[in-house]
Amino acid sequence: MIDPQLLRDDPDVIKASQAARGASVDVVDEAVAADAARRSAISSFEALRAEQNAFGKTVAKAPKDEKAALVQQAQALAAGVKEAQAAVTAAEETFNRVVRSIPNVVLPGVPAGGEDDFVTIKTVGTKPEFDFEPKDHADLGELLDIIDIPRGVKVSGSRFYFLKGLGARLEIALMSLGLDRAIQHGFTPLITPTLVRPETMAGTGFLGEHAAEVYRLEADDLYLTGTSEVALAGYHADEILAFDAEDPALRYAGWSTCYRREAGSAGKDNRGILRVHQFNKLEMFSYVHPDQADAEHAKLMAYQESMLQDLGLHYRVIETAAGDLGTSAARKYDLEAWVPTQGTFRELTSTSNCTTFQARRLDIRYRTDSGKTAPVATLNGTLATTRWLVAILETHQQADGSVVVPEVLRPYLGGVEVIEPR
């Protein structure tokens, strides 16, 4: 959640963030009032408890003939303490409810506005040109016999598919390339759980405005994750991390299957495998000293760009506007690849700086030089996922419907250079 000290000291910063997101500004005043009420309740409780403790000593020392009357006073004090403690509990519940409704405070320079108010940081590579009518990835997948959408729909419904033969191998090759790159950059690989507890899902901020996109198993009170970021964030919940002084960070690469309802997207990108209910993803996740968060964010994006460049994709980097950020992100960059048949850039991957927001919710801390503990910063970024196949297939197609395999993937495919139509 947001920093309570910032809420007390400079609520206008949080109000400005809310305004940039297009979210409620009034909730900040509500949170300030709830915090004041909470602290007042705690103060009253502690004063009463101190009085109770002092009075208890008086009772213990009192003559026997005075104790009966004093015990009655002690019982009245105990009832008051119990009532004050209940007031503290209620005030803390109110404060937590209100403050948890406030998303992360956006970082300076993040553009205000909604989905269409992004800022283009740069465009890289050359837009692919064809001397023939290019096919979309769904048609290519059928022609090459590597994507079977009709049978996916038959088995599981809309937005499901089979990757087949070289299609399955191509995804595994892409994920393996990403994993090798992640390991080279110091990330520890993890195969993560795809079912998590509610507190883990809530701790990462995925049960707010995007809760409708999450699958829930009601009988087990568990959630299917839409990204291994959730499990990776929960990995060190309720822990104090030991950072290396020279590189104050812990880095993980989580490989998992992911699930999303895609609620509210009926009819949008329904063709092919761009927007589906189930996919695979390799997610980078970093726990870092808060002072290193900006530098770590730049590193994650550089790793993503290296992958896209080596796959021969034309792409752009955009900074997402505040109103299009998720609950936990304070800044996010999207890397969008050119999809030839759509004549536009489509998001393939993103990387987010969540500052200390998730760590506060999940109680993940480090020990400062003074010996006290403070929340770490968390960041995430996708290094490979199923939808990358869309841009790869369409960008590298040839007139006969074959697709040239990017050179960096060939060692993972036994040297296959071209996927030929069957």
Protein backbone atom coordinates (compact mmCIF):
# COMPACT_ATOMS: atom_id res chain seq x y z
CA MET A 1 0.00 0.00 0.00
CA ILE A 2 1.04 3.66 -0.06
CA ASP A 3 3.48 5.00 2.52
CA PRO A 4 1.46 6.12 5.61
CA GLN A 5 4.15 8.68 6.44
CA LEU A 6 3.72 10.28 3.01
CA LEU A 7 -0.02 10.34 3.62
CA ARG A 8 0.53 12.33 6.83
CA ASP A 9 3.34 14.58 5.66
CA ASP A 10 2.38 15.37 2.08
CA PRO A 11 -1.11 14.20 1.08
CA ASP A 12 -1.05 16.62 -1.86
CA VAL A 13 1.48 14.35 -3.61
CA ILE A 14 -0.99 11.48 -3.38
CA LYS A 15 -3.83 13.74 -4.54
CA ALA A 16 -1.78 14.75 -7.59
CA SER A 17 -1.19 11.06 -8.35
CA GLN A 18 -4.89 10.32 -8.05
CA ALA A 19 -5.72 13.21 -10.36
CA ALA A 20 -3.17 11.98 -12.92
CA ARG A 21 -4.77 8.54 -12.80
CA GLY A 22 -8.26 10.00 -13.16
CA ALA A 23 -9.11 8.46 -9.77
CA SER A 24 -10.83 9.87 -6.70
CA VAL A 25 -8.97 12.69 -4.93
CA ASP A 26 -11.46 12.77 -2.05
CA VAL A 27 -10.36 9.31 -0.93
CA VAL A 28 -7.04 10.85 0.15
CA ASP A 29 -8.81 13.14 2.63
CA GLU A 30 -10.80 10.12 3.80
CA ALA A 31 -7.55 8.22 4.35
CA VAL A 32 -5.99 11.14 6.25
CA ALA A 33 -9.03 11.30 8.54
CA ALA A 34 -9.01 7.52 9.02
CA ASP A 35 -5.32 7.62 9.91
CA ALA A 36 -5.90 10.38 12.46
CA ALA A 37 -8.80 8.45 13.99
CA ARG A 38 -6.68 5.30 14.13
CA ARG A 39 -3.79 7.04 15.87
CA SER A 40 -6.19 8.73 18.30
CA ALA A 41 -7.78 5.38 19.15
CA ILE A 42 -4.37 3.83 19.73
CA SER A 43 -3.34 6.72 21.96
CA SER A 44 -6.52 6.42 24.05
CA PHE A 45 -6.07 2.66 24.36
CA GLU A 46 -2.44 2.95 25.44
CA ALA A 47 -3.30 5.64 28.02
CA LEU A 48 -6.06 3.48 29.50
CA ARG A 49 -3.83 0.41 29.54
CA ALA A 50 -1.09 2.36 31.33
CA GLU A 51 -3.65 3.54 33.87
CA GLN A 52 -4.84 -0.04 34.29
CA ASN A 53 -1.31 -1.32 34.89
CA ALA A 54 -0.57 1.41 37.42
CA PHE A 55 -3.86 0.80 39.22
CA GLY A 56 -3.12 -2.91 39.34
CA LYS A 57 0.00 -2.18 41.38
CA THR A 58 -2.09 -0.02 43.73
CA VAL A 59 -4.55 -2.86 44.24
CA ALA A 60 -1.74 -5.29 44.95
CA LYS A 61 -0.31 -3.05 47.69
CA ALA A 62 -3.66 -2.03 49.24
CA PRO A 63 -4.78 -3.26 52.70
CA LYS A 64 -7.11 -6.24 52.63
CA ASP A 65 -10.11 -4.23 53.80
CA GLU A 66 -9.77 -1.79 50.86
CA LYS A 67 -9.19 -4.34 48.12
CA ALA A 68 -12.83 -5.21 47.47
CA ALA A 69 -13.67 -1.66 46.43
CA LEU A 70 -10.46 -1.31 44.44
CA VAL A 71 -11.11 -4.56 42.58
CA GLN A 72 -14.44 -3.16 41.40
CA GLN A 73 -12.61 -0.10 40.04
CA ALA A 74 -10.06 -2.38 38.39
CA GLN A 75 -12.85 -4.31 36.68
CA ALA A 76 -14.36 -1.08 35.38
CA LEU A 77 -10.94 -0.05 34.06
CA ALA A 78 -10.53 -3.46 32.39
CA ALA A 79 -13.87 -3.03 30.65
CA GLY A 80 -12.78 0.40 29.44
CA VAL A 81 -9.51 -1.03 28.12
CA LYS A 82 -11.39 -3.78 26.30
CA GLU A 83 -13.72 -1.22 24.75
CA ALA A 84 -10.77 0.95 23.72
CA GLN A 85 -9.03 -2.04 22.16
CA ALA A 86 -12.15 -2.81 20.12
CA ALA A 87 -12.18 0.83 18.98
CA VAL A 88 -8.56 0.46 17.83
CA THR A 89 -9.44 -2.67 15.86
CA ALA A 90 -12.36 -0.94 14.19
CA ALA A 91 -10.29 2.16 13.40
CA GLU A 92 -7.48 0.07 11.92
CA GLU A 93 -9.92 -1.88 9.76
CA THR A 94 -11.37 1.37 8.45
CA PHE A 95 -7.94 2.80 7.77
CA ASN A 96 -6.76 -0.34 5.98
CA ARG A 97 -9.90 -0.49 3.86
CA VAL A 98 -9.57 3.12 2.77
CA VAL A 99 -5.81 3.23 2.25
CA ARG A 100 -5.82 -0.06 0.31
CA SER A 101 -8.23 1.48 -2.15
CA ILE A 102 -5.55 4.00 -3.15
CA PRO A 103 -3.25 2.74 -5.93
CA ASN A 104 0.50 3.31 -5.92
CA VAL A 105 1.68 6.90 -6.17
CA VAL A 106 2.92 7.53 -9.70
CA LEU A 107 6.52 8.66 -10.10
CA PRO A 108 7.46 12.16 -11.31
CA GLY A 109 7.23 12.52 -15.08
CA VAL A 110 4.61 9.82 -15.65
CA PRO A 111 2.13 11.27 -18.18
CA ALA A 112 -1.38 11.97 -16.93
CA GLY A 113 -4.42 10.56 -18.68
CA GLY A 114 -5.74 7.25 -19.93
CA GLU A 115 -4.93 4.51 -22.42
CA ASP A 116 -4.41 6.86 -25.37
CA ASP A 117 -2.24 9.37 -23.50
CA PHE A 118 1.00 7.37 -23.58
CA VAL A 119 4.30 8.94 -24.59
CA THR A 120 6.48 7.27 -27.23
CA ILE A 121 10.04 6.98 -25.92
CA LYS A 122 11.63 5.51 -29.06
CA THR A 123 11.03 3.38 -32.13
CA VAL A 124 13.57 0.71 -33.08
CA GLY A 125 14.19 -1.30 -36.23
CA THR A 126 12.70 -1.26 -39.70
CA LYS A 127 9.05 -1.86 -40.50
CA PRO A 128 8.79 -5.10 -42.50
CA GLU A 129 7.73 -4.61 -46.13
CA PHE A 130 6.35 -7.34 -48.41
CA ASP A 131 5.97 -7.66 -52.18
CA PHE A 132 3.00 -9.98 -51.56
CA GLU A 133 -0.17 -9.86 -49.45
CA PRO A 134 0.98 -10.94 -45.97
CA LYS A 135 -1.05 -13.48 -44.03
CA ASP A 136 -2.02 -12.99 -40.41
CA HIS A 137 -0.58 -15.31 -37.77
CA ALA A 138 -3.77 -17.38 -37.51
CA ASP A 139 -3.75 -18.17 -41.24
CA LEU A 140 -0.01 -18.84 -41.11
CA GLY A 141 -0.48 -21.13 -38.13
CA GLU A 142 -3.09 -23.17 -40.02
CA LEU A 143 -1.06 -23.27 -43.25
CA LEU A 144 2.07 -24.38 -41.39
CA ASP A 145 0.08 -26.80 -39.20
CA ILE A 146 1.54 -25.26 -36.03
CA ILE A 147 -1.53 -23.58 -34.46
CA ASP A 148 -4.88 -25.36 -34.19
CA ILE A 149 -7.55 -22.93 -33.03
CA PRO A 150 -10.71 -24.86 -34.08
CA ARG A 151 -9.79 -27.84 -31.91
CA GLY A 152 -8.82 -25.55 -29.03
CA VAL A 153 -12.30 -24.03 -29.21
CA LYS A 154 -13.85 -27.49 -29.49
CA VAL A 155 -12.07 -28.70 -26.37
CA SER A 156 -12.17 -25.60 -24.17
CA GLY A 157 -14.19 -22.81 -25.80
CA SER A 158 -13.30 -19.44 -27.31
CA ARG A 159 -9.81 -18.00 -26.83
CA PHE A 160 -8.21 -21.42 -26.46
CA TYR A 161 -5.89 -23.12 -28.94
CA PHE A 162 -3.36 -25.88 -29.47
CA LEU A 163 0.25 -25.17 -30.39
CA LYS A 164 1.30 -28.12 -32.51
CA GLY A 165 4.55 -29.60 -33.78
CA LEU A 166 6.99 -26.81 -34.59
CA GLY A 167 4.52 -24.33 -33.09
CA ALA A 168 4.89 -25.96 -29.69
CA ARG A 169 8.64 -26.20 -30.15
CA LEU A 170 8.83 -22.57 -31.25
CA GLU A 171 7.19 -21.38 -28.03
CA ILE A 172 9.48 -23.58 -25.93
CA ALA A 173 12.46 -22.26 -27.91
CA LEU A 174 11.41 -18.67 -27.23
CA MET A 175 10.92 -19.34 -23.53
CA SER A 176 14.22 -21.21 -23.30
CA LEU A 177 16.08 -18.37 -25.00
CA GLY A 178 14.54 -15.96 -22.49
CA LEU A 179 15.48 -18.20 -19.59
CA ASP A 180 19.08 -18.51 -20.76
CA ARG A 181 19.28 -14.73 -21.08
CA ALA A 182 17.78 -14.26 -17.62
CA ILE A 183 20.30 -16.64 -16.06
CA GLN A 184 23.12 -14.74 -17.79
CA HIS A 185 21.81 -11.56 -16.15
CA GLY A 186 21.85 -13.09 -12.67
CA PHE A 187 18.23 -14.22 -12.31
CA THR A 188 17.47 -17.42 -10.42
CA PRO A 189 14.97 -19.55 -12.40
CA LEU A 190 11.79 -20.67 -10.66
CA ILE A 191 8.88 -22.79 -11.84
CA THR A 192 6.14 -21.07 -9.87
CA PRO A 193 2.75 -22.20 -8.53
CA THR A 194 -0.16 -21.03 -10.64
CA LEU A 195 -2.65 -21.23 -7.75
CA VAL A 196 -2.20 -18.75 -4.91
CA ARG A 197 -3.98 -17.70 -1.75
CA PRO A 198 -6.17 -14.57 -1.64
CA GLU A 199 -3.68 -12.68 0.53
CA THR A 200 -0.97 -13.22 -2.07
CA MET A 201 -3.20 -12.09 -4.92
CA ALA A 202 -4.37 -9.05 -2.94
CA GLY A 203 -0.83 -8.26 -1.84
CA THR A 204 0.29 -7.80 -5.43
CA GLY A 205 -2.68 -5.56 -6.24
CA PHE A 206 -4.53 -7.90 -8.60
CA LEU A 207 -7.81 -8.00 -6.68
CA GLY A 208 -8.71 -4.36 -7.24
CA GLU A 209 -10.04 -2.97 -10.49
CA HIS A 210 -8.80 -6.01 -12.47
CA ALA A 211 -10.36 -8.64 -10.19
CA ALA A 212 -12.89 -9.54 -12.90
CA GLU A 213 -10.03 -10.81 -15.08
CA VAL A 214 -8.88 -13.33 -12.47
CA TYR A 215 -10.09 -16.93 -12.26
CA ARG A 216 -11.08 -18.05 -8.77
CA LEU A 217 -11.56 -21.59 -7.45
CA GLU A 218 -14.25 -20.92 -4.86
CA ALA A 219 -14.22 -24.40 -3.32
CA ASP A 220 -10.54 -24.04 -2.49
CA ASP A 221 -10.39 -20.25 -1.99
CA LEU A 222 -7.48 -20.06 -4.42
CA TYR A 223 -6.81 -17.91 -7.48
CA LEU A 224 -5.25 -18.83 -10.82
CA THR A 225 -2.47 -16.37 -11.56
CA GLY A 226 -2.41 -14.23 -14.69
CA THR A 227 1.33 -13.80 -14.31
CA SER A 228 4.03 -15.44 -12.23
CA GLU A 229 4.66 -11.95 -10.81
CA VAL A 230 2.05 -12.85 -8.19
CA ALA A 231 3.82 -15.96 -6.93
CA LEU A 232 7.23 -14.30 -7.25
CA ALA A 233 6.09 -11.35 -5.13
CA GLY A 234 4.71 -13.72 -2.51
CA TYR A 235 7.90 -15.78 -2.46
CA HIS A 236 9.50 -13.56 0.19
CA ALA A 237 6.34 -12.39 1.97
CA ASP A 238 6.81 -11.76 5.72
CA GLU A 239 10.59 -11.92 5.37
CA ILE A 240 13.55 -9.63 6.00
CA LEU A 241 15.87 -9.89 3.00
CA ALA A 242 19.64 -9.91 3.23
CA PHE A 243 21.02 -7.77 0.42
CA ASP A 244 24.57 -7.89 -0.89
CA ALA A 245 26.21 -4.53 -0.23
CA GLU A 246 27.66 -4.39 -3.76
CA ASP A 247 24.41 -5.36 -5.49
CA PRO A 248 21.41 -4.84 -3.20
CA ALA A 249 18.97 -6.99 -5.16
CA LEU A 250 17.44 -10.47 -5.41
CA ARG A 251 16.35 -11.46 -8.92
CA TYR A 252 14.11 -14.31 -10.06
CA ALA A 253 12.81 -15.52 -13.43
CA GLY A 254 9.47 -17.29 -13.10
CA TRP A 255 8.28 -19.67 -15.81
CA SER A 256 4.60 -20.53 -15.59
CA THR A 257 1.33 -21.03 -17.40
CA CYS A 258 -0.93 -18.01 -16.91
CA TYR A 259 -4.71 -17.60 -16.97
CA ARG A 260 -6.87 -14.55 -17.65
CA ARG A 261 -10.59 -14.16 -18.12
CA GLU A 262 -10.08 -11.21 -20.49
CA ALA A 263 -13.29 -9.82 -19.01
CA GLY A 264 -14.83 -7.00 -20.95
CA SER A 265 -12.88 -7.75 -24.13
CA ALA A 266 -15.61 -9.61 -26.02
CA GLY A 267 -15.04 -9.30 -29.75
CA LYS A 268 -11.66 -7.61 -29.30
CA ASP A 269 -8.67 -9.45 -30.79
CA ASN A 270 -10.78 -12.59 -30.82
CA ARG A 271 -8.90 -14.01 -33.79
CA GLY A 272 -5.70 -15.96 -33.23
CA ILE A 273 -3.58 -16.10 -30.10
CA LEU A 274 -3.01 -12.44 -29.27
CA ARG A 275 -5.59 -12.27 -26.49
CA VAL A 276 -6.29 -15.68 -24.96
CA HIS A 277 -7.31 -17.26 -21.66
CA GLN A 278 -4.21 -19.44 -21.22
CA PHE A 279 -0.60 -18.83 -22.20
CA ASN A 280 2.97 -19.32 -21.05
CA LYS A 281 5.19 -16.56 -19.78
CA LEU A 282 8.69 -15.98 -18.44
CA GLU A 283 8.62 -13.15 -15.92
CA MET A 284 11.58 -11.30 -14.44
CA PHE A 285 11.08 -10.14 -10.86
CA SER A 286 13.46 -8.05 -8.79
CA TYR A 287 13.55 -7.20 -5.10
CA VAL A 288 15.86 -4.21 -4.73
CA HIS A 289 16.92 -1.46 -2.36
CA PRO A 290 14.48 1.42 -3.04
CA ASP A 291 17.35 3.69 -4.12
CA GLN A 292 18.17 1.21 -6.91
CA ALA A 293 14.65 0.85 -8.30
CA ASP A 294 15.00 3.30 -11.21
CA ALA A 295 18.29 1.75 -12.32
CA GLU A 296 16.82 -1.74 -12.07
CA HIS A 297 13.86 -0.66 -14.17
CA ALA A 298 16.21 0.49 -16.93
CA LYS A 299 18.01 -2.88 -16.80
CA LEU A 300 14.81 -4.88 -17.15
CA MET A 301 13.78 -2.87 -20.18
CA ALA A 302 17.22 -3.29 -21.75
CA TYR A 303 16.95 -7.07 -21.39
CA GLN A 304 13.55 -7.01 -23.09
CA GLU A 305 14.81 -4.82 -25.91
CA SER A 306 17.74 -7.14 -26.51
CA MET A 307 15.34 -10.04 -26.98
CA LEU A 308 13.11 -8.13 -29.40
CA GLN A 309 16.08 -6.90 -31.42
CA ASP A 310 17.62 -10.36 -31.69
CA LEU A 311 14.27 -11.73 -32.85
CA GLY A 312 14.34 -9.22 -35.70
CA LEU A 313 11.19 -7.36 -34.61
CA HIS A 314 10.31 -3.73 -35.32
CA TYR A 315 9.08 -2.22 -32.06
CA ARG A 316 8.51 0.92 -30.05
CA VAL A 317 8.79 1.73 -26.35
CA ILE A 318 6.02 3.77 -24.77
CA GLU A 319 5.57 5.14 -21.28
CA THR A 320 2.09 4.26 -20.08
CA ALA A 321 -0.09 7.10 -18.84
CA ALA A 322 -1.07 7.15 -15.17
CA GLY A 323 -4.69 6.19 -15.80
CA ASP A 324 -3.60 3.04 -17.65
CA LEU A 325 -1.28 1.81 -14.90
CA GLY A 326 -2.23 -1.14 -12.76
CA THR A 327 -2.86 -0.71 -9.05
CA SER A 328 0.72 -1.53 -8.03
CA ALA A 329 2.74 0.20 -10.76
CA ALA A 330 4.24 3.63 -10.20
CA ARG A 331 5.72 3.67 -13.72
CA LYS A 332 5.37 1.24 -16.62
CA TYR A 333 6.94 0.93 -20.04
CA ASP A 334 5.25 -1.11 -22.77
CA LEU A 335 7.28 -2.58 -25.61
CA GLU A 336 5.05 -2.94 -28.65
CA ALA A 337 5.99 -4.86 -31.78
CA TRP A 338 4.74 -4.08 -35.27
CA VAL A 339 2.09 -6.55 -36.44
CA PRO A 340 2.05 -6.27 -40.26
CA THR A 341 -1.49 -7.44 -40.99
CA GLN A 342 -2.91 -5.11 -38.36
CA GLY A 343 -0.80 -2.18 -39.52
CA THR A 344 -0.06 -1.13 -35.97
CA PHE A 345 2.09 -1.75 -32.92
CA ARG A 346 0.75 -4.24 -30.36
CA GLU A 347 2.02 -4.74 -26.83
CA LEU A 348 4.26 -7.77 -26.47
CA THR A 349 5.75 -7.04 -23.09
CA SER A 350 5.93 -4.48 -20.33
CA THR A 351 8.03 -3.67 -17.29
CA SER A 352 6.81 -1.99 -14.12
CA ASN A 353 8.40 -0.28 -11.16
CA CYS A 354 6.12 -0.96 -8.20
CA THR A 355 8.35 0.93 -5.73
CA THR A 356 7.55 -0.24 -2.16
CA PHE A 357 3.80 -0.70 -2.74
CA GLN A 358 3.69 -4.50 -2.98
CA ALA A 359 6.35 -4.97 -0.31
CA ARG A 360 4.31 -2.97 2.20
CA ARG A 361 1.28 -5.17 1.56
CA LEU A 362 3.30 -8.38 1.76
CA ASP A 363 5.63 -7.23 4.57
CA ILE A 364 8.88 -7.71 2.68
CA ARG A 365 11.69 -5.71 4.24
CA TYR A 366 15.44 -5.20 4.39
CA ARG A 367 17.58 -4.05 7.29
CA THR A 368 18.89 -0.50 7.04
CA ASP A 369 22.30 0.70 8.23
CA SER A 370 20.66 1.85 11.46
CA GLY A 371 19.44 -1.69 12.14
CA LYS A 372 15.80 -0.85 11.55
CA THR A 373 13.77 -2.48 8.80
CA ALA A 374 12.16 -0.82 5.78
CA PRO A 375 10.16 -2.10 2.78
CA VAL A 376 12.05 -3.14 -0.35
CA ALA A 377 11.12 -2.08 -3.88
CA THR A 378 9.76 -4.64 -6.36
CA LEU A 379 9.89 -4.58 -10.15
CA ASN A 380 8.74 -6.94 -12.88
CA GLY A 381 9.10 -7.42 -16.61
CA THR A 382 8.17 -10.11 -19.13
CA LEU A 383 11.04 -11.65 -21.08
CA ALA A 384 9.03 -14.04 -23.28
CA THR A 385 5.41 -15.04 -23.71
CA THR A 386 3.11 -16.84 -26.15
CA ARG A 387 1.85 -13.69 -27.89
CA TRP A 388 5.37 -12.97 -29.15
CA LEU A 389 4.71 -15.70 -31.72
CA VAL A 390 2.19 -13.38 -33.39
CA ALA A 391 4.85 -10.81 -34.32
CA ILE A 392 7.51 -13.43 -35.08
CA LEU A 393 5.34 -15.35 -37.54
CA GLU A 394 3.96 -12.28 -39.32
CA THR A 395 7.28 -10.41 -39.50
CA HIS A 396 9.32 -13.32 -40.87
CA GLN A 397 6.83 -14.82 -43.33
CA GLN A 398 7.65 -15.41 -46.98
CA ALA A 399 5.53 -15.37 -50.14
CA ASP A 400 4.92 -19.13 -50.12
CA GLY A 401 3.61 -19.01 -46.55
CA SER A 402 6.80 -20.31 -44.98
CA VAL A 403 8.34 -18.51 -41.99
CA VAL A 404 12.05 -17.90 -41.46
CA VAL A 405 13.06 -18.83 -37.90
CA PRO A 406 15.08 -16.04 -36.21
CA GLU A 407 18.68 -17.13 -35.97
CA VAL A 408 18.80 -16.95 -32.16
CA LEU A 409 16.01 -19.54 -31.91
CA ARG A 410 17.47 -22.08 -34.33
CA PRO A 411 19.74 -23.86 -31.81
CA TYR A 412 16.65 -24.58 -29.70
CA LEU A 413 14.87 -26.09 -32.73
CA GLY A 414 17.57 -28.49 -33.75
CA GLY A 415 18.83 -26.12 -36.43
CA VAL A 416 15.49 -25.62 -38.22
CA GLU A 417 15.86 -22.46 -40.32
CA VAL A 418 12.47 -22.30 -42.07
CA ILE A 419 9.03 -23.59 -41.09
CA GLU A 420 7.49 -24.85 -44.32
CA PRO A 421 3.81 -25.20 -45.22
CA ARG A 422 2.50 -28.73 -44.91
